[in-house]
Amino acid sequence: MNTTLFLLSLLIAVVGPLLAISYLKPILIKVLQSLCNAEGGAEFWLRSAYVLGVCGTLLLMLTFGDFRESASVVDTLRRALWLVFAGVFVSVGIISHQVWSQVREVIAPHKVVGLPAPTSAHQPADWPDTGDRS
């Protein structure tokens, strides 16, 4: 096993999801705070997202990474990036699905009755109000 390739792949597997979740953090905190009334609820779910993202990509890397002595650096990095992007994609997909299911529950009663959907103080002012609340 090539220790340098192993450590480099693990570094990529940790940094990739940290960057992705950090990019989503500002809007994710706003959405979670509007959905979680409990003290610290949004922070708990954000930290869970970090753990899910990092652990998921590390599991993929440890299972499918190529760290053989004879492996080329480019092939190992290509595989590492592919695994990290797959892990981040799945993690963000799971988080998005769960958050959207909660948003749908908040919006659904208002659509049935015909009332306008609740607006949040966190909604950016530059969003156009088209009347479509999807």
Protein backbone atom coordinates (compact mmCIF):
# COMPACT_ATOMS: atom_id res chain seq x y z
CA MET A 1 0.00 0.00 0.00
CA ASN A 2 1.24 3.47 -0.91
CA THR A 3 0.95 5.46 2.31
CA THR A 4 1.19 8.83 0.56
CA LEU A 5 -1.68 8.03 -1.81
CA PHE A 6 -3.69 6.65 1.11
CA LEU A 7 -3.25 9.79 3.22
CA LEU A 8 -3.87 12.11 0.25
CA SER A 9 -7.09 10.26 -0.59
CA LEU A 10 -8.28 10.45 3.01
CA LEU A 11 -7.52 14.17 3.08
CA ILE A 12 -9.60 14.70 -0.06
CA ALA A 13 -12.39 12.58 1.46
CA VAL A 14 -12.53 14.84 4.52
CA VAL A 15 -12.06 18.23 2.83
CA GLY A 16 -14.60 17.65 0.03
CA PRO A 17 -17.72 17.27 2.19
CA LEU A 18 -16.53 19.95 4.62
CA LEU A 19 -16.39 22.43 1.73
CA ALA A 20 -19.78 21.36 0.38
CA ILE A 21 -21.60 21.58 3.73
CA SER A 22 -19.83 24.87 4.54
CA TYR A 23 -21.11 26.26 1.24
CA LEU A 24 -24.67 25.19 2.13
CA LYS A 25 -24.42 26.21 5.80
CA PRO A 26 -25.80 29.79 5.63
CA ILE A 27 -29.00 28.85 3.81
CA LEU A 28 -29.32 25.51 5.57
CA ILE A 29 -29.22 27.23 8.98
CA LYS A 30 -32.01 29.62 7.91
CA VAL A 31 -34.21 26.83 6.61
CA LEU A 32 -33.59 24.62 9.62
CA GLN A 33 -34.27 27.43 12.07
CA SER A 34 -37.61 28.07 10.41
CA LEU A 35 -38.47 24.35 10.69
CA CYS A 36 -36.95 23.53 14.10
CA ASN A 37 -38.51 25.36 17.01
CA ALA A 38 -36.37 23.53 19.57
CA GLU A 39 -33.36 25.30 21.02
CA GLY A 40 -30.29 24.05 19.19
CA GLY A 41 -32.31 21.98 16.72
CA ALA A 42 -30.85 23.61 13.62
CA GLU A 43 -27.31 23.31 14.98
CA PHE A 44 -27.85 19.61 15.72
CA TRP A 45 -29.02 18.92 12.15
CA LEU A 46 -26.16 20.94 10.68
CA ARG A 47 -23.61 18.99 12.69
CA SER A 48 -25.34 15.77 11.64
CA ALA A 49 -24.93 16.87 8.01
CA TYR A 50 -21.19 17.35 8.55
CA VAL A 51 -20.84 13.90 10.15
CA LEU A 52 -22.95 12.27 7.42
CA GLY A 53 -20.93 13.90 4.65
CA VAL A 54 -17.49 13.16 6.09
CA CYS A 55 -18.26 9.62 7.23
CA GLY A 56 -19.98 8.76 3.97
CA THR A 57 -17.05 9.84 1.82
CA LEU A 58 -14.51 8.23 4.14
CA LEU A 59 -16.42 4.94 3.98
CA LEU A 60 -16.47 5.12 0.19
CA MET A 61 -12.76 5.95 0.08
CA LEU A 62 -11.73 3.19 2.47
CA THR A 63 -13.87 0.64 0.64
CA PHE A 64 -13.17 1.52 -2.99
CA GLY A 65 -9.99 3.63 -2.96
CA ASP A 66 -6.91 2.45 -4.86
CA PHE A 67 -3.79 2.67 -2.71
CA ARG A 68 -1.62 -0.06 -4.27
CA GLU A 69 2.12 0.60 -4.64
CA SER A 70 1.78 0.12 -8.40
CA ALA A 71 -1.17 2.57 -8.72
CA SER A 72 -0.47 5.77 -10.60
CA VAL A 73 -1.02 9.04 -8.77
CA VAL A 74 -3.38 10.35 -11.45
CA ASP A 75 -5.55 7.21 -11.40
CA THR A 76 -5.70 7.25 -7.60
CA LEU A 77 -6.63 10.95 -7.52
CA ARG A 78 -9.26 10.44 -10.23
CA ARG A 79 -10.83 7.61 -8.25
CA ALA A 80 -10.60 9.61 -5.01
CA LEU A 81 -12.34 12.62 -6.54
CA TRP A 82 -15.02 10.41 -8.09
CA LEU A 83 -15.73 8.76 -4.73
CA VAL A 84 -15.77 12.09 -2.88
CA PHE A 85 -18.13 13.70 -5.38
CA ALA A 86 -20.38 10.64 -5.24
CA GLY A 87 -20.40 10.81 -1.43
CA VAL A 88 -21.14 14.53 -1.37
CA PHE A 89 -23.85 14.13 -4.01
CA VAL A 90 -25.60 11.40 -2.02
CA SER A 91 -25.20 13.26 1.30
CA VAL A 92 -26.58 16.52 -0.08
CA GLY A 93 -29.36 14.57 -1.77
CA ILE A 94 -30.36 12.95 1.53
CA ILE A 95 -30.25 16.27 3.37
CA SER A 96 -32.23 18.06 0.64
CA HIS A 97 -34.84 15.31 0.53
CA GLN A 98 -35.35 15.43 4.29
CA VAL A 99 -35.53 19.22 4.45
CA TRP A 100 -37.91 19.41 1.47
CA SER A 101 -40.23 16.81 3.03
CA GLN A 102 -40.54 19.07 6.07
CA VAL A 103 -41.10 22.17 3.95
CA ARG A 104 -43.81 20.33 2.02
CA GLU A 105 -45.59 19.50 5.30
CA VAL A 106 -45.59 23.19 6.26
CA ILE A 107 -46.86 24.30 2.85
CA ALA A 108 -49.44 21.51 2.24
CA PRO A 109 -52.20 22.67 4.66
CA HIS A 110 -52.16 26.14 3.13
CA LYS A 111 -52.56 24.82 -0.40
CA VAL A 112 -55.58 22.70 0.57
CA VAL A 113 -57.42 25.56 2.23
CA GLY A 114 -56.36 28.04 -0.42
CA LEU A 115 -54.54 30.32 1.98
CA PRO A 116 -51.20 31.79 1.00
CA ALA A 117 -48.22 29.78 2.19
CA PRO A 118 -46.54 31.15 5.31
CA THR A 119 -43.71 33.54 4.63
CA SER A 120 -40.59 33.47 6.68
CA ALA A 121 -38.62 36.44 7.93
CA HIS A 122 -35.63 34.58 6.50
CA GLN A 123 -36.89 34.70 2.90
CA PRO A 124 -34.51 36.80 0.80
CA ALA A 125 -36.06 39.96 -0.57
CA ASP A 126 -34.68 39.35 -4.06
CA TRP A 127 -36.82 36.25 -4.66
CA PRO A 128 -39.55 37.04 -7.17
CA ASP A 129 -43.04 36.39 -5.89
CA THR A 130 -44.66 34.54 -8.76
CA GLY A 131 -47.44 33.10 -6.62
CA ASP A 132 -46.11 29.60 -7.26
CA ARG A 133 -44.94 28.06 -3.99
CA SER A 134 -43.19 24.89 -5.18
